[in-house]
Amino acid sequence: MEHCELLIVEHTFYLERPGVQMLVLSPTFTMPKNWSERGWSERKEPVTVQRPDGSTLPATAQINVTHLNIRGADVPLEARWPITVWLTDRTEEEVPIGSKILVDPEVRAAILGEELPTR
């Protein structure tokens, strides 16, 4: 099945420590109301990075529900638990701002709370 667009990279944050590498991507996603019904809270998925120059490269995305410790009673619960995406095998130089992250349509549906595509 053809990959479809999940996000366009607006910002990245790179972390590297012994045995750990992650390129955290922005934007994040609001947790859809039916997130828990989809049967997972984190997953590792193959994705395609389509860079602004049109070139592509494969990558591995870690997709998580992440807790942010945001103080303030006026901050909704959904803002405290966003869905974050990071790449475990790419660097900032490889994934410039404006790159598109392409995923399997079923992955996109799960993240965005959309109906699953029919095959």
C-alpha atoms as a PDB file:
ATOM      1  CA  MET A   1       0.000   0.000   0.000  1.00  0.00           C
ATOM      2  CA  GLU A   2       1.214   3.512  -0.808  1.00  0.00           C
ATOM      3  CA  HIS A   3       2.327   5.745   2.048  1.00  0.00           C
ATOM      4  CA  CYS A   4       0.468   8.975   2.795  1.00  0.00           C
ATOM      5  CA  GLU A   5       1.469  12.196   4.536  1.00  0.00           C
ATOM      6  CA  LEU A   6       1.395  12.217   8.327  1.00  0.00           C
ATOM      7  CA  LEU A   7       3.145  15.516   8.973  1.00  0.00           C
ATOM      8  CA  ILE A   8       5.416  18.218   7.589  1.00  0.00           C
ATOM      9  CA  VAL A   9       8.407  18.789   9.874  1.00  0.00           C
ATOM     10  CA  GLU A  10       8.285  22.257  11.450  1.00  0.00           C
ATOM     11  CA  HIS A  11      10.988  21.764  14.080  1.00  0.00           C
ATOM     12  CA  THR A  12      13.347  19.021  15.255  1.00  0.00           C
ATOM     13  CA  PHE A  13      15.238  18.275  18.457  1.00  0.00           C
ATOM     14  CA  TYR A  14      18.088  15.751  18.349  1.00  0.00           C
ATOM     15  CA  LEU A  15      19.173  13.679  21.340  1.00  0.00           C
ATOM     16  CA  GLU A  16      22.058  11.226  21.337  1.00  0.00           C
ATOM     17  CA  ARG A  17      23.452   9.283  24.259  1.00  0.00           C
ATOM     18  CA  PRO A  18      25.248   5.942  24.381  1.00  0.00           C
ATOM     19  CA  GLY A  19      22.826   3.429  22.870  1.00  0.00           C
ATOM     20  CA  VAL A  20      20.086   6.020  22.261  1.00  0.00           C
ATOM     21  CA  GLN A  21      19.458   8.285  19.282  1.00  0.00           C
ATOM     22  CA  MET A  22      16.263  10.188  18.585  1.00  0.00           C
ATOM     23  CA  LEU A  23      15.223  13.007  16.328  1.00  0.00           C
ATOM     24  CA  VAL A  24      12.062  14.393  17.915  1.00  0.00           C
ATOM     25  CA  LEU A  25       9.724  15.885  15.317  1.00  0.00           C
ATOM     26  CA  SER A  26       7.269  18.722  15.604  1.00  0.00           C
ATOM     27  CA  PRO A  27       4.355  19.145  15.292  1.00  0.00           C
ATOM     28  CA  THR A  28       2.841  16.720  17.766  1.00  0.00           C
ATOM     29  CA  PHE A  29      -0.736  15.450  17.652  1.00  0.00           C
ATOM     30  CA  THR A  30      -3.633  15.710  20.055  1.00  0.00           C
ATOM     31  CA  MET A  31      -4.660  12.317  21.352  1.00  0.00           C
ATOM     32  CA  PRO A  32      -7.914  11.356  19.598  1.00  0.00           C
ATOM     33  CA  LYS A  33     -10.838  10.431  21.819  1.00  0.00           C
ATOM     34  CA  ASN A  34     -10.758   6.823  20.610  1.00  0.00           C
ATOM     35  CA  TRP A  35      -6.978   6.392  20.999  1.00  0.00           C
ATOM     36  CA  SER A  36      -7.219   3.652  23.676  1.00  0.00           C
ATOM     37  CA  GLU A  37      -9.732   1.719  21.563  1.00  0.00           C
ATOM     38  CA  ARG A  38      -7.122   1.370  18.805  1.00  0.00           C
ATOM     39  CA  GLY A  39      -5.140  -1.069  20.941  1.00  0.00           C
ATOM     40  CA  TRP A  40      -1.763   0.588  21.439  1.00  0.00           C
ATOM     41  CA  SER A  41      -0.030   3.412  23.253  1.00  0.00           C
ATOM     42  CA  GLU A  42       3.273   3.248  21.430  1.00  0.00           C
ATOM     43  CA  ARG A  43       4.617   1.654  18.289  1.00  0.00           C
ATOM     44  CA  LYS A  44       7.596   1.521  15.988  1.00  0.00           C
ATOM     45  CA  GLU A  45       6.813   1.992  12.294  1.00  0.00           C
ATOM     46  CA  PRO A  46       8.738   2.177   9.037  1.00  0.00           C
ATOM     47  CA  VAL A  47       8.254   5.592   7.417  1.00  0.00           C
ATOM     48  CA  THR A  48       9.510   7.467   4.391  1.00  0.00           C
ATOM     49  CA  VAL A  49      11.106  10.896   4.720  1.00  0.00           C
ATOM     50  CA  GLN A  50      10.451  13.053   1.660  1.00  0.00           C
ATOM     51  CA  ARG A  51      12.848  15.997   1.832  1.00  0.00           C
ATOM     52  CA  PRO A  52      12.089  19.434   0.363  1.00  0.00           C
ATOM     53  CA  ASP A  53      14.404  18.691  -2.601  1.00  0.00           C
ATOM     54  CA  GLY A  54      12.185  15.697  -3.500  1.00  0.00           C
ATOM     55  CA  SER A  55      14.649  12.998  -2.435  1.00  0.00           C
ATOM     56  CA  THR A  56      13.417  10.260  -0.101  1.00  0.00           C
ATOM     57  CA  LEU A  57      14.927   7.980   2.491  1.00  0.00           C
ATOM     58  CA  PRO A  58      13.570   5.274   4.771  1.00  0.00           C
ATOM     59  CA  ALA A  59      13.460   5.796   8.512  1.00  0.00           C
ATOM     60  CA  THR A  60      12.099   4.172  11.650  1.00  0.00           C
ATOM     61  CA  ALA A  61       9.578   6.198  13.659  1.00  0.00           C
ATOM     62  CA  GLN A  62       8.795   5.682  17.318  1.00  0.00           C
ATOM     63  CA  ILE A  63       5.240   6.898  17.981  1.00  0.00           C
ATOM     64  CA  ASN A  64       4.251   7.466  21.602  1.00  0.00           C
ATOM     65  CA  VAL A  65       1.699   8.980  23.890  1.00  0.00           C
ATOM     66  CA  THR A  66       3.929  11.296  25.924  1.00  0.00           C
ATOM     67  CA  HIS A  67       3.167  12.964  29.239  1.00  0.00           C
ATOM     68  CA  LEU A  68       4.034  16.653  29.481  1.00  0.00           C
ATOM     69  CA  ASN A  69       4.101  18.123  32.971  1.00  0.00           C
ATOM     70  CA  ILE A  70       2.188  21.316  32.205  1.00  0.00           C
ATOM     71  CA  ARG A  71       1.096  23.314  35.211  1.00  0.00           C
ATOM     72  CA  GLY A  72      -2.135  25.208  35.197  1.00  0.00           C
ATOM     73  CA  ALA A  73      -5.707  24.120  35.691  1.00  0.00           C
ATOM     74  CA  ASP A  74      -6.779  25.720  32.401  1.00  0.00           C
ATOM     75  CA  VAL A  75      -4.649  23.322  30.286  1.00  0.00           C
ATOM     76  CA  PRO A  76      -6.847  20.539  28.878  1.00  0.00           C
ATOM     77  CA  LEU A  77      -5.950  16.903  29.485  1.00  0.00           C
ATOM     78  CA  GLU A  78      -5.349  16.336  25.756  1.00  0.00           C
ATOM     79  CA  ALA A  79      -2.566  18.952  25.780  1.00  0.00           C
ATOM     80  CA  ARG A  80      -0.833  17.104  28.623  1.00  0.00           C
ATOM     81  CA  TRP A  81      -0.759  13.797  26.695  1.00  0.00           C
ATOM     82  CA  PRO A  82       0.193  14.485  23.055  1.00  0.00           C
ATOM     83  CA  ILE A  83       1.173  11.887  20.502  1.00  0.00           C
ATOM     84  CA  THR A  84       4.836  12.450  19.666  1.00  0.00           C
ATOM     85  CA  VAL A  85       6.854  11.111  16.758  1.00  0.00           C
ATOM     86  CA  TRP A  86      10.600  10.682  16.669  1.00  0.00           C
ATOM     87  CA  LEU A  87      12.988   8.994  14.295  1.00  0.00           C
ATOM     88  CA  THR A  88      15.434   6.516  15.809  1.00  0.00           C
ATOM     89  CA  ASP A  89      17.808   6.287  12.864  1.00  0.00           C
ATOM     90  CA  ARG A  90      18.070   9.758  11.301  1.00  0.00           C
ATOM     91  CA  THR A  91      19.731  13.082  12.160  1.00  0.00           C
ATOM     92  CA  GLU A  92      18.761  16.754  11.766  1.00  0.00           C
ATOM     93  CA  GLU A  93      20.954  17.008   8.679  1.00  0.00           C
ATOM     94  CA  GLU A  94      19.098  14.113   7.045  1.00  0.00           C
ATOM     95  CA  VAL A  95      15.616  15.461   7.885  1.00  0.00           C
ATOM     96  CA  PRO A  96      15.523  19.205   7.202  1.00  0.00           C
ATOM     97  CA  ILE A  97      12.626  21.456   8.142  1.00  0.00           C
ATOM     98  CA  GLY A  98       9.885  21.105   5.520  1.00  0.00           C
ATOM     99  CA  SER A  99      10.382  17.351   5.087  1.00  0.00           C
ATOM    100  CA  LYS A 100       7.230  15.248   4.857  1.00  0.00           C
ATOM    101  CA  ILE A 101       6.864  12.110   6.953  1.00  0.00           C
ATOM    102  CA  LEU A 102       4.936   9.483   4.988  1.00  0.00           C
ATOM    103  CA  VAL A 103       3.305   6.518   6.715  1.00  0.00           C
ATOM    104  CA  ASP A 104       1.009   3.596   5.988  1.00  0.00           C
ATOM    105  CA  PRO A 105      -2.604   4.873   5.837  1.00  0.00           C
ATOM    106  CA  GLU A 106      -3.558   2.632   8.788  1.00  0.00           C
ATOM    107  CA  VAL A 107      -0.897   4.274  10.950  1.00  0.00           C
ATOM    108  CA  ARG A 108      -2.160   7.741   9.981  1.00  0.00           C
ATOM    109  CA  ALA A 109      -5.748   6.702  10.780  1.00  0.00           C
ATOM    110  CA  ALA A 110      -4.720   5.436  14.220  1.00  0.00           C
ATOM    111  CA  ILE A 111      -2.792   8.597  15.093  1.00  0.00           C
ATOM    112  CA  LEU A 112      -5.408  11.038  13.851  1.00  0.00           C
ATOM    113  CA  GLY A 113      -8.444   9.049  14.999  1.00  0.00           C
ATOM    114  CA  GLU A 114      -9.716   8.643  11.456  1.00  0.00           C
ATOM    115  CA  GLU A 115     -11.686   5.753  10.098  1.00  0.00           C
ATOM    116  CA  LEU A 116      -9.453   2.923   8.919  1.00  0.00           C
ATOM    117  CA  PRO A 117      -9.011   2.829   5.157  1.00  0.00           C
ATOM    118  CA  THR A 118     -10.798   0.049   3.311  1.00  0.00           C
ATOM    119  CA  ARG A 119      -8.659  -2.332   1.306  1.00  0.00           C
END
